């Protein structure tokens, strides 16, 4: 069960946004990721709890940030309920999209499980619902993902396969690289892996 810590920062001006302390593991239903987020000063900022099914679809998502809460799942696309800080109002949403996304590294791993791309197979277009900071406001985005290469790197625990993806945001044309090993993000815009206490899990 990988357990560790990511640092998060603004991908454009590198302003620190805080840290995400996580653990994750494959399970009977697919894969689960649980994390607590903190501010740059170390105060509690929110949480992420994401469970995927065996096909990589979001079986259950629960997020907290800025006093807001979102619960979501794959249902007729993706469906969610967003609750305000007072708990008196809740708004429902549904979009014919593939999955959720956001600042958490969990969403990058989750999408690679859903797409299951092969190196050199070309780009695949996906529609996502981004839960944006600081209050988890939903925004629909279109991206394309391509797996450029998979390379094995020697480690003390045996070979570690690192997948390099190219991600394009379709409305702006902005491209960036994402490097993932198993269920751990090694590098991505706005994300740095600061500590990992056990090797990444491998998926069957």
C-alpha atoms as a PDB file:
ATOM      1  CA  UNK A   1       0.000   0.000   0.000  1.00  0.00           C
ATOM      2  CA  UNK A   2       1.819   3.140  -1.158  1.00  0.00           C
ATOM      3  CA  UNK A   3       1.811   5.891   1.431  1.00  0.00           C
ATOM      4  CA  UNK A   4       3.468   9.255   1.043  1.00  0.00           C
ATOM      5  CA  UNK A   5       3.245  12.993   0.492  1.00  0.00           C
ATOM      6  CA  UNK A   6       2.853  15.251  -2.517  1.00  0.00           C
ATOM      7  CA  UNK A   7       3.562  18.966  -2.566  1.00  0.00           C
ATOM      8  CA  UNK A   8       1.125  21.008  -4.644  1.00  0.00           C
ATOM      9  CA  UNK A   9       1.828  24.350  -6.303  1.00  0.00           C
ATOM     10  CA  UNK A  10       0.371  26.610  -8.969  1.00  0.00           C
ATOM     11  CA  UNK A  11       1.663  25.185 -12.275  1.00  0.00           C
ATOM     12  CA  UNK A  12       2.036  28.688 -13.761  1.00  0.00           C
ATOM     13  CA  UNK A  13       3.675  30.835 -11.076  1.00  0.00           C
ATOM     14  CA  UNK A  14       4.744  28.012  -8.684  1.00  0.00           C
ATOM     15  CA  UNK A  15       2.945  29.530  -5.691  1.00  0.00           C
ATOM     16  CA  UNK A  16       2.814  26.806  -2.988  1.00  0.00           C
ATOM     17  CA  UNK A  17      -0.715  25.481  -2.478  1.00  0.00           C
ATOM     18  CA  UNK A  18       0.013  22.988   0.296  1.00  0.00           C
ATOM     19  CA  UNK A  19       0.536  19.258   0.611  1.00  0.00           C
ATOM     20  CA  UNK A  20      -1.455  16.057   0.145  1.00  0.00           C
ATOM     21  CA  UNK A  21      -0.763  13.159   2.522  1.00  0.00           C
ATOM     22  CA  UNK A  22      -2.056   9.987   0.888  1.00  0.00           C
ATOM     23  CA  UNK A  23      -2.309   6.241   0.889  1.00  0.00           C
ATOM     24  CA  UNK A  24      -3.748   4.082  -1.881  1.00  0.00           C
ATOM     25  CA  UNK A  25      -4.035   0.466  -2.936  1.00  0.00           C
ATOM     26  CA  UNK A  26      -5.764  -1.894  -5.369  1.00  0.00           C
ATOM     27  CA  UNK A  27      -8.681  -3.719  -3.804  1.00  0.00           C
ATOM     28  CA  UNK A  28     -11.601  -6.021  -4.598  1.00  0.00           C
ATOM     29  CA  UNK A  29     -13.556  -3.243  -6.328  1.00  0.00           C
ATOM     30  CA  UNK A  30     -10.609  -1.764  -8.221  1.00  0.00           C
ATOM     31  CA  UNK A  31      -8.531   0.926  -6.502  1.00  0.00           C
ATOM     32  CA  UNK A  32      -8.938   3.339  -3.600  1.00  0.00           C
ATOM     33  CA  UNK A  33      -7.103   6.570  -2.786  1.00  0.00           C
ATOM     34  CA  UNK A  34      -7.504   8.443   0.509  1.00  0.00           C
ATOM     35  CA  UNK A  35      -5.754  11.714   1.329  1.00  0.00           C
ATOM     36  CA  UNK A  36      -5.756  14.699   3.645  1.00  0.00           C
ATOM     37  CA  UNK A  37      -4.704  18.087   2.277  1.00  0.00           C
ATOM     38  CA  UNK A  38      -2.981  20.861   4.211  1.00  0.00           C
ATOM     39  CA  UNK A  39      -2.278  24.534   3.565  1.00  0.00           C
ATOM     40  CA  UNK A  40       1.296  25.829   3.103  1.00  0.00           C
ATOM     41  CA  UNK A  41       1.256  26.680   6.836  1.00  0.00           C
ATOM     42  CA  UNK A  42       0.298  23.097   7.718  1.00  0.00           C
ATOM     43  CA  UNK A  43      -3.368  23.651   8.614  1.00  0.00           C
ATOM     44  CA  UNK A  44      -5.998  21.130   7.525  1.00  0.00           C
ATOM     45  CA  UNK A  45      -7.477  22.139   4.157  1.00  0.00           C
ATOM     46  CA  UNK A  46      -9.611  19.229   2.995  1.00  0.00           C
ATOM     47  CA  UNK A  47      -9.734  15.588   1.991  1.00  0.00           C
ATOM     48  CA  UNK A  48     -10.050  13.254  -0.981  1.00  0.00           C
ATOM     49  CA  UNK A  49     -11.584   9.767  -0.983  1.00  0.00           C
ATOM     50  CA  UNK A  50     -11.806   8.134  -4.415  1.00  0.00           C
ATOM     51  CA  UNK A  51     -12.757   4.537  -5.214  1.00  0.00           C
ATOM     52  CA  UNK A  52     -12.572   3.123  -8.745  1.00  0.00           C
ATOM     53  CA  UNK A  53     -14.271   0.025 -10.041  1.00  0.00           C
ATOM     54  CA  UNK A  54     -12.416  -2.705 -11.932  1.00  0.00           C
ATOM     55  CA  UNK A  55     -12.761  -0.752 -15.204  1.00  0.00           C
ATOM     56  CA  UNK A  56     -11.333   2.466 -13.729  1.00  0.00           C
ATOM     57  CA  UNK A  57     -14.666   4.290 -13.442  1.00  0.00           C
ATOM     58  CA  UNK A  58     -15.296   6.470 -10.355  1.00  0.00           C
ATOM     59  CA  UNK A  59     -17.394   4.193  -8.164  1.00  0.00           C
ATOM     60  CA  UNK A  60     -17.443   6.738  -5.316  1.00  0.00           C
ATOM     61  CA  UNK A  61     -15.871  10.157  -4.816  1.00  0.00           C
ATOM     62  CA  UNK A  62     -16.037  12.320  -1.714  1.00  0.00           C
ATOM     63  CA  UNK A  63     -14.096  15.584  -1.459  1.00  0.00           C
ATOM     64  CA  UNK A  64     -13.965  18.386   1.105  1.00  0.00           C
ATOM     65  CA  UNK A  65     -12.371  21.810   0.605  1.00  0.00           C
ATOM     66  CA  UNK A  66     -13.109  25.348   1.739  1.00  0.00           C
ATOM     67  CA  UNK A  67     -16.026  24.071   3.785  1.00  0.00           C
ATOM     68  CA  UNK A  68     -17.656  22.617   0.675  1.00  0.00           C
ATOM     69  CA  UNK A  69     -18.375  18.941   0.049  1.00  0.00           C
ATOM     70  CA  UNK A  70     -18.803  17.015  -3.202  1.00  0.00           C
ATOM     71  CA  UNK A  71     -20.017  13.441  -3.519  1.00  0.00           C
ATOM     72  CA  UNK A  72     -19.955  11.899  -6.963  1.00  0.00           C
ATOM     73  CA  UNK A  73     -19.923   8.726  -9.030  1.00  0.00           C
ATOM     74  CA  UNK A  74     -20.138   7.400 -12.573  1.00  0.00           C
ATOM     75  CA  UNK A  75     -23.873   7.429 -13.285  1.00  0.00           C
ATOM     76  CA  UNK A  76     -25.245   8.405 -16.712  1.00  0.00           C
ATOM     77  CA  UNK A  77     -21.851   9.988 -17.339  1.00  0.00           C
ATOM     78  CA  UNK A  78     -20.760  11.494 -14.038  1.00  0.00           C
ATOM     79  CA  UNK A  79     -23.178  12.721 -11.390  1.00  0.00           C
ATOM     80  CA  UNK A  80     -22.433  14.708  -8.253  1.00  0.00           C
ATOM     81  CA  UNK A  81     -23.996  16.574  -5.339  1.00  0.00           C
ATOM     82  CA  UNK A  82     -22.245  19.702  -4.032  1.00  0.00           C
ATOM     83  CA  UNK A  83     -23.134  20.957  -0.568  1.00  0.00           C
ATOM     84  CA  UNK A  84     -22.427  24.468   0.769  1.00  0.00           C
ATOM     85  CA  UNK A  85     -20.529  25.144   4.029  1.00  0.00           C
ATOM     86  CA  UNK A  86     -23.729  25.612   6.053  1.00  0.00           C
ATOM     87  CA  UNK A  87     -25.098  22.266   4.893  1.00  0.00           C
ATOM     88  CA  UNK A  88     -28.485  23.821   4.108  1.00  0.00           C
ATOM     89  CA  UNK A  89     -28.232  23.844   0.324  1.00  0.00           C
ATOM     90  CA  UNK A  90     -27.186  21.123  -2.103  1.00  0.00           C
ATOM     91  CA  UNK A  91     -26.953  21.320  -5.879  1.00  0.00           C
ATOM     92  CA  UNK A  92     -26.948  18.309  -8.153  1.00  0.00           C
ATOM     93  CA  UNK A  93     -25.086  18.038 -11.437  1.00  0.00           C
ATOM     94  CA  UNK A  94     -24.755  15.558 -14.260  1.00  0.00           C
ATOM     95  CA  UNK A  95     -22.568  15.700 -17.360  1.00  0.00           C
ATOM     96  CA  UNK A  96     -22.019  13.076 -20.087  1.00  0.00           C
ATOM     97  CA  UNK A  97     -18.336  12.871 -19.161  1.00  0.00           C
ATOM     98  CA  UNK A  98     -15.834  10.065 -18.581  1.00  0.00           C
ATOM     99  CA  UNK A  99     -14.561  10.944 -15.094  1.00  0.00           C
ATOM    100  CA  UNK A 100     -13.686  13.656 -12.580  1.00  0.00           C
ATOM    101  CA  UNK A 101     -10.468  15.625 -12.337  1.00  0.00           C
ATOM    102  CA  UNK A 102      -8.923  18.237 -10.037  1.00  0.00           C
ATOM    103  CA  UNK A 103      -5.682  19.203  -8.321  1.00  0.00           C
ATOM    104  CA  UNK A 104      -5.308  15.850  -6.539  1.00  0.00           C
ATOM    105  CA  UNK A 105      -2.815  13.428  -8.126  1.00  0.00           C
ATOM    106  CA  UNK A 106      -5.455  10.735  -7.582  1.00  0.00           C
ATOM    107  CA  UNK A 107      -7.344  11.906 -10.652  1.00  0.00           C
ATOM    108  CA  UNK A 108      -4.321  11.438 -12.928  1.00  0.00           C
ATOM    109  CA  UNK A 109      -3.850   7.834 -11.811  1.00  0.00           C
ATOM    110  CA  UNK A 110      -7.589   7.210 -12.058  1.00  0.00           C
ATOM    111  CA  UNK A 111      -7.770   8.433 -15.631  1.00  0.00           C
ATOM    112  CA  UNK A 112      -4.882   6.233 -16.744  1.00  0.00           C
ATOM    113  CA  UNK A 113      -6.736   3.247 -15.254  1.00  0.00           C
ATOM    114  CA  UNK A 114      -9.846   4.213 -17.202  1.00  0.00           C
ATOM    115  CA  UNK A 115      -8.084   4.796 -20.532  1.00  0.00           C
ATOM    116  CA  UNK A 116      -5.549   1.914 -20.381  1.00  0.00           C
ATOM    117  CA  UNK A 117      -3.562   3.360 -23.262  1.00  0.00           C
ATOM    118  CA  UNK A 118      -0.831   1.524 -25.142  1.00  0.00           C
ATOM    119  CA  UNK A 119       2.438   3.210 -26.167  1.00  0.00           C
ATOM    120  CA  UNK A 120       2.195   4.669 -29.637  1.00  0.00           C
ATOM    121  CA  UNK A 121      -1.557   4.089 -29.939  1.00  0.00           C
ATOM    122  CA  UNK A 122      -2.262   7.774 -30.520  1.00  0.00           C
ATOM    123  CA  UNK A 123      -4.226  10.316 -28.523  1.00  0.00           C
ATOM    124  CA  UNK A 124      -7.602   9.629 -26.908  1.00  0.00           C
ATOM    125  CA  UNK A 125     -10.066  12.434 -26.244  1.00  0.00           C
ATOM    126  CA  UNK A 126     -11.822  12.574 -22.864  1.00  0.00           C
ATOM    127  CA  UNK A 127     -14.397  14.863 -21.285  1.00  0.00           C
ATOM    128  CA  UNK A 128     -13.901  15.482 -17.581  1.00  0.00           C
ATOM    129  CA  UNK A 129     -15.623  17.366 -14.775  1.00  0.00           C
ATOM    130  CA  UNK A 130     -12.950  19.383 -12.971  1.00  0.00           C
ATOM    131  CA  UNK A 131     -13.649  20.198  -9.322  1.00  0.00           C
ATOM    132  CA  UNK A 132     -11.772  23.486  -9.102  1.00  0.00           C
ATOM    133  CA  UNK A 133     -10.152  25.172  -6.122  1.00  0.00           C
ATOM    134  CA  UNK A 134     -10.850  26.628  -3.677  1.00  0.00           C
ATOM    135  CA  UNK A 135     -14.519  25.621  -3.353  1.00  0.00           C
ATOM    136  CA  UNK A 136     -14.807  22.522  -5.605  1.00  0.00           C
ATOM    137  CA  UNK A 137     -16.751  24.365  -8.307  1.00  0.00           C
ATOM    138  CA  UNK A 138     -17.491  21.985 -11.223  1.00  0.00           C
ATOM    139  CA  UNK A 139     -16.159  22.856 -14.678  1.00  0.00           C
ATOM    140  CA  UNK A 140     -16.355  20.650 -17.777  1.00  0.00           C
ATOM    141  CA  UNK A 141     -13.046  20.307 -19.647  1.00  0.00           C
ATOM    142  CA  UNK A 142     -11.922  18.394 -22.725  1.00  0.00           C
ATOM    143  CA  UNK A 143      -8.456  16.833 -22.912  1.00  0.00           C
ATOM    144  CA  UNK A 144      -6.558  14.375 -25.054  1.00  0.00           C
ATOM    145  CA  UNK A 145      -4.211  11.801 -23.543  1.00  0.00           C
ATOM    146  CA  UNK A 146      -1.470   9.831 -25.278  1.00  0.00           C
ATOM    147  CA  UNK A 147       0.969   7.318 -23.770  1.00  0.00           C
ATOM    148  CA  UNK A 148       4.306   8.227 -25.315  1.00  0.00           C
ATOM    149  CA  UNK A 149       6.474   5.528 -23.745  1.00  0.00           C
ATOM    150  CA  UNK A 150       6.839   3.020 -20.902  1.00  0.00           C
ATOM    151  CA  UNK A 151      10.341   2.490 -19.548  1.00  0.00           C
ATOM    152  CA  UNK A 152      11.628   0.157 -16.837  1.00  0.00           C
ATOM    153  CA  UNK A 153      14.057   1.693 -14.338  1.00  0.00           C
ATOM    154  CA  UNK A 154      16.156  -0.403 -11.918  1.00  0.00           C
ATOM    155  CA  UNK A 155      15.474   0.120  -8.198  1.00  0.00           C
ATOM    156  CA  UNK A 156      16.375  -1.646  -4.948  1.00  0.00           C
ATOM    157  CA  UNK A 157      12.982  -3.376  -5.109  1.00  0.00           C
ATOM    158  CA  UNK A 158      13.284  -4.497  -8.731  1.00  0.00           C
ATOM    159  CA  UNK A 159      12.379  -2.795 -12.013  1.00  0.00           C
ATOM    160  CA  UNK A 160       9.979   0.142 -11.822  1.00  0.00           C
ATOM    161  CA  UNK A 161       7.962   0.863 -14.976  1.00  0.00           C
ATOM    162  CA  UNK A 162       7.382   4.567 -15.574  1.00  0.00           C
ATOM    163  CA  UNK A 163       4.737   5.677 -18.064  1.00  0.00           C
ATOM    164  CA  UNK A 164       5.085   9.070 -19.745  1.00  0.00           C
ATOM    165  CA  UNK A 165       1.833  10.629 -20.940  1.00  0.00           C
ATOM    166  CA  UNK A 166       1.267  13.707 -23.049  1.00  0.00           C
ATOM    167  CA  UNK A 167      -1.835  15.626 -22.011  1.00  0.00           C
ATOM    168  CA  UNK A 168      -3.373  18.364 -24.154  1.00  0.00           C
ATOM    169  CA  UNK A 169      -6.059  20.756 -22.942  1.00  0.00           C
ATOM    170  CA  UNK A 170      -8.161  21.070 -26.066  1.00  0.00           C
ATOM    171  CA  UNK A 171      -9.658  24.533 -25.569  1.00  0.00           C
ATOM    172  CA  UNK A 172      -6.241  26.156 -25.091  1.00  0.00           C
ATOM    173  CA  UNK A 173      -3.896  23.754 -26.883  1.00  0.00           C
ATOM    174  CA  UNK A 174      -1.645  23.690 -23.806  1.00  0.00           C
ATOM    175  CA  UNK A 175       0.426  20.500 -23.520  1.00  0.00           C
ATOM    176  CA  UNK A 176       2.226  18.982 -20.583  1.00  0.00           C
ATOM    177  CA  UNK A 177       3.805  15.706 -19.507  1.00  0.00           C
ATOM    178  CA  UNK A 178       2.668  13.377 -16.723  1.00  0.00           C
ATOM    179  CA  UNK A 179       4.915  10.608 -15.368  1.00  0.00           C
ATOM    180  CA  UNK A 180       3.234   7.772 -13.452  1.00  0.00           C
ATOM    181  CA  UNK A 181       4.570   4.548 -11.935  1.00  0.00           C
ATOM    182  CA  UNK A 182       1.833   2.115 -10.933  1.00  0.00           C
ATOM    183  CA  UNK A 183      -0.536   4.152  -8.769  1.00  0.00           C
ATOM    184  CA  UNK A 184       1.887   6.954  -7.879  1.00  0.00           C
ATOM    185  CA  UNK A 185       2.420  10.201  -9.805  1.00  0.00           C
ATOM    186  CA  UNK A 186       6.150  10.863 -10.075  1.00  0.00           C
ATOM    187  CA  UNK A 187       5.898  14.244 -11.803  1.00  0.00           C
ATOM    188  CA  UNK A 188       3.164  16.445 -13.283  1.00  0.00           C
ATOM    189  CA  UNK A 189       2.444  20.183 -13.513  1.00  0.00           C
ATOM    190  CA  UNK A 190       1.765  21.507 -10.030  1.00  0.00           C
ATOM    191  CA  UNK A 191       2.631  18.163  -8.376  1.00  0.00           C
ATOM    192  CA  UNK A 192       5.853  16.902  -6.826  1.00  0.00           C
ATOM    193  CA  UNK A 193       6.269  13.594  -5.002  1.00  0.00           C
ATOM    194  CA  UNK A 194       8.115  14.530  -1.801  1.00  0.00           C
ATOM    195  CA  UNK A 195       7.986  11.273   0.160  1.00  0.00           C
ATOM    196  CA  UNK A 196       7.058   7.659  -0.602  1.00  0.00           C
ATOM    197  CA  UNK A 197       7.242   5.070   2.157  1.00  0.00           C
ATOM    198  CA  UNK A 198       6.586   1.974   0.033  1.00  0.00           C
ATOM    199  CA  UNK A 199       6.813   1.128  -3.686  1.00  0.00           C
ATOM    200  CA  UNK A 200       3.898   1.869  -6.026  1.00  0.00           C
ATOM    201  CA  UNK A 201       1.301  -0.840  -6.492  1.00  0.00           C
ATOM    202  CA  UNK A 202       1.243  -2.630  -9.830  1.00  0.00           C
ATOM    203  CA  UNK A 203      -2.034  -3.237 -11.629  1.00  0.00           C
ATOM    204  CA  UNK A 204      -2.889  -6.552 -13.214  1.00  0.00           C
END
